[in-house]
C-alpha atoms as a PDB file:
ATOM      1  CA  MET A   1      27.337  35.310  -4.985  1.00  0.00           C
ATOM      2  CA  PHE A   2      25.109  32.406  -6.094  1.00  0.00           C
ATOM      3  CA  GLN A   3      23.972  31.799  -9.662  1.00  0.00           C
ATOM      4  CA  ASP A   4      21.145  29.640 -10.949  1.00  0.00           C
ATOM      5  CA  LYS A   5      22.230  26.082 -11.824  1.00  0.00           C
ATOM      6  CA  TYR A   6      20.440  23.475 -13.859  1.00  0.00           C
ATOM      7  CA  LEU A   7      20.426  19.941 -12.459  1.00  0.00           C
ATOM      8  CA  THR A   8      19.022  16.648 -13.717  1.00  0.00           C
ATOM      9  CA  CYS A   9      16.362  14.884 -11.652  1.00  0.00           C
ATOM     10  CA  LYS A  10      17.456  11.383 -10.664  1.00  0.00           C
ATOM     11  CA  ASP A  11      13.866  10.080 -10.821  1.00  0.00           C
ATOM     12  CA  CYS A  12      12.380  11.471 -14.029  1.00  0.00           C
ATOM     13  CA  GLY A  13      15.518  12.710 -15.798  1.00  0.00           C
ATOM     14  CA  SER A  14      14.155  16.188 -16.439  1.00  0.00           C
ATOM     15  CA  GLU A  15      16.269  19.285 -16.017  1.00  0.00           C
ATOM     16  CA  PHE A  16      15.303  21.683 -13.213  1.00  0.00           C
ATOM     17  CA  ALA A  17      16.622  24.963 -11.880  1.00  0.00           C
ATOM     18  CA  PHE A  18      18.452  25.140  -8.566  1.00  0.00           C
ATOM     19  CA  THR A  19      17.994  28.879  -8.136  1.00  0.00           C
ATOM     20  CA  ALA A  20      20.389  31.266  -6.444  1.00  0.00           C
ATOM     21  CA  SER A  21      17.863  31.862  -3.653  1.00  0.00           C
ATOM     22  CA  GLU A  22      17.502  28.088  -3.083  1.00  0.00           C
ATOM     23  CA  GLN A  23      21.279  27.761  -2.969  1.00  0.00           C
ATOM     24  CA  GLU A  24      21.451  30.570  -0.429  1.00  0.00           C
ATOM     25  CA  PHE A  25      18.780  28.837   1.676  1.00  0.00           C
ATOM     26  CA  PHE A  26      20.705  25.539   1.512  1.00  0.00           C
ATOM     27  CA  ALA A  27      23.896  27.332   2.588  1.00  0.00           C
ATOM     28  CA  GLU A  28      22.125  29.044   5.534  1.00  0.00           C
ATOM     29  CA  LYS A  29      20.780  25.687   6.716  1.00  0.00           C
ATOM     30  CA  GLY A  30      24.183  24.047   6.367  1.00  0.00           C
ATOM     31  CA  PHE A  31      23.073  21.605   3.669  1.00  0.00           C
ATOM     32  CA  THR A  32      26.043  20.409   1.659  1.00  0.00           C
ATOM     33  CA  ASN A  33      24.322  18.322  -1.038  1.00  0.00           C
ATOM     34  CA  GLU A  34      22.446  19.744  -3.994  1.00  0.00           C
ATOM     35  CA  PRO A  35      18.874  18.504  -4.502  1.00  0.00           C
ATOM     36  CA  GLY A  36      18.667  15.332  -6.564  1.00  0.00           C
ATOM     37  CA  ARG A  37      14.990  15.552  -7.518  1.00  0.00           C
ATOM     38  CA  CYS A  38      12.823  18.156  -9.212  1.00  0.00           C
ATOM     39  CA  SER A  39       9.980  19.701  -7.223  1.00  0.00           C
ATOM     40  CA  PRO A  40       7.194  17.429  -8.601  1.00  0.00           C
ATOM     41  CA  CYS A  41       9.260  14.278  -7.904  1.00  0.00           C
ATOM     42  CA  ARG A  42      10.045  15.495  -4.364  1.00  0.00           C
ATOM     43  CA  ALA A  43       6.324  16.056  -3.753  1.00  0.00           C
ATOM     44  CA  THR A  44       5.454  12.610  -5.123  1.00  0.00           C
ATOM     45  CA  ARG A  45       8.093  10.963  -2.964  1.00  0.00           C
ATOM     46  CA  ARG A  46       6.938  12.868   0.122  1.00  0.00           C
ATOM     47  CA  GLY A  47       3.356  11.744  -0.539  1.00  0.00           C
ATOM     48  CA  GLN A  48       4.415   8.106  -0.923  1.00  0.00           C
ATOM     49  CA  ARG A  49       6.431   8.240   2.286  1.00  0.00           C
ATOM     50  CA  ASN A  50       3.496   9.719   4.237  1.00  0.00           C
ATOM     51  CA  ASN A  51       1.065   7.095   2.930  1.00  0.00           C
ATOM     52  CA  SER A  52       3.282   4.036   3.318  1.00  0.00           C
ATOM     53  CA  GLY A  53       4.257   4.139   6.973  1.00  0.00           C
ATOM     54  CA  GLY A  54       7.156   6.517   6.663  1.00  0.00           C
ATOM     55  CA  PHE A  55       7.812   9.472   8.893  1.00  0.00           C
ATOM     56  CA  GLY A  56       4.824  10.743  10.812  1.00  0.00           C
ATOM     57  CA  HIS A  57       2.820   7.542  10.407  1.00  0.00           C
ATOM     58  CA  ARG A  58       2.900   4.730  12.883  1.00  0.00           C
ATOM     59  CA  GLU A  59       1.328   1.333  12.427  1.00  0.00           C
ATOM     60  CA  GLU A  60      -0.965   0.178  15.179  1.00  0.00           C
ATOM     61  CA  ARG A  61       1.001  -1.917  17.650  1.00  0.00           C
ATOM     62  CA  GLN A  62      -0.170  -5.456  18.382  1.00  0.00           C
ATOM     63  CA  MET A  63      -1.234  -5.807  22.002  1.00  0.00           C
ATOM     64  CA  PHE A  64      -1.407  -9.002  24.080  1.00  0.00           C
ATOM     65  CA  PRO A  65      -3.667  -9.792  27.041  1.00  0.00           C
ATOM     66  CA  ALA A  66      -2.029 -10.153  30.459  1.00  0.00           C
ATOM     67  CA  VAL A  67      -2.790 -10.058  34.174  1.00  0.00           C
ATOM     68  CA  CYS A  68      -0.825  -7.550  36.260  1.00  0.00           C
ATOM     69  CA  SER A  69       1.588  -9.321  38.617  1.00  0.00           C
ATOM     70  CA  SER A  70       1.139  -6.568  41.209  1.00  0.00           C
ATOM     71  CA  CYS A  71      -2.573  -5.706  41.398  1.00  0.00           C
ATOM     72  CA  GLY A  72      -4.153  -8.577  39.410  1.00  0.00           C
ATOM     73  CA  VAL A  73      -6.070  -6.391  36.954  1.00  0.00           C
ATOM     74  CA  GLU A  74      -6.530  -7.598  33.364  1.00  0.00           C
ATOM     75  CA  THR A  75      -4.531  -5.445  30.969  1.00  0.00           C
ATOM     76  CA  THR A  76      -2.841  -5.469  27.580  1.00  0.00           C
ATOM     77  CA  VAL A  77       0.867  -5.142  26.879  1.00  0.00           C
ATOM     78  CA  PRO A  78       2.862  -4.551  23.653  1.00  0.00           C
ATOM     79  CA  PHE A  79       4.764  -7.840  23.948  1.00  0.00           C
ATOM     80  CA  GLN A  80       3.921 -11.527  24.257  1.00  0.00           C
ATOM     81  CA  PRO A  81       4.229 -12.421  27.974  1.00  0.00           C
ATOM     82  CA  ARG A  82       6.397 -15.522  28.436  1.00  0.00           C
ATOM     83  CA  GLY A  83       5.346 -16.346  31.969  1.00  0.00           C
ATOM     84  CA  ASP A  84       8.854 -16.354  33.458  1.00  0.00           C
ATOM     85  CA  LYS A  85       8.876 -12.616  34.312  1.00  0.00           C
ATOM     86  CA  PRO A  86       6.317 -10.367  35.997  1.00  0.00           C
ATOM     87  CA  VAL A  87       4.015  -8.238  33.824  1.00  0.00           C
ATOM     88  CA  TYR A  88       2.564  -4.983  35.125  1.00  0.00           C
ATOM     89  CA  CYS A  89      -0.385  -2.809  34.158  1.00  0.00           C
ATOM     90  CA  ARG A  90       0.327   0.780  33.168  1.00  0.00           C
ATOM     91  CA  ASP A  91      -0.301   2.175  36.666  1.00  0.00           C
ATOM     92  CA  CYS A  92       1.829  -0.407  38.498  1.00  0.00           C
ATOM     93  CA  PHE A  93       4.588  -0.103  35.914  1.00  0.00           C
ATOM     94  CA  SER A  94       4.637   3.699  36.330  1.00  0.00           C
ATOM     95  CA  THR A  95       4.759   3.369  40.122  1.00  0.00           C
ATOM     96  CA  ARG A  96       7.588   0.846  40.008  1.00  0.00           C
ATOM     97  CA  ARG A  97       9.482   2.894  37.415  1.00  0.00           C
ATOM     98  CA  SER A  98       9.367   6.070  39.532  1.00  0.00           C
ATOM     99  CA  ASN A  99      10.877   4.093  42.445  1.00  0.00           C
ATOM    100  CA  TRP A 100      13.945   3.005  40.421  1.00  0.00           C
END
């Protein structure tokens, strides 16, 4: 049913085989686009994405000091408190959230 095809890599310009078995796999998964990169270029791109904050990598979030409006404990929150709204520690926030 499927036959090997030769495609041109959009990164390095080399020709690579899109084998019949790969085409069958793509069809089973419902993929409609043919691959645009050869295997080495895909691996390089995947490595760059993993090392530069792409999928699977999260930068450390900046935390700000605050005092809980409910219990008065010193805590940190992932936003800059403005002072016009209450700020809660993790425990008080969880308690209030479960009561919503």
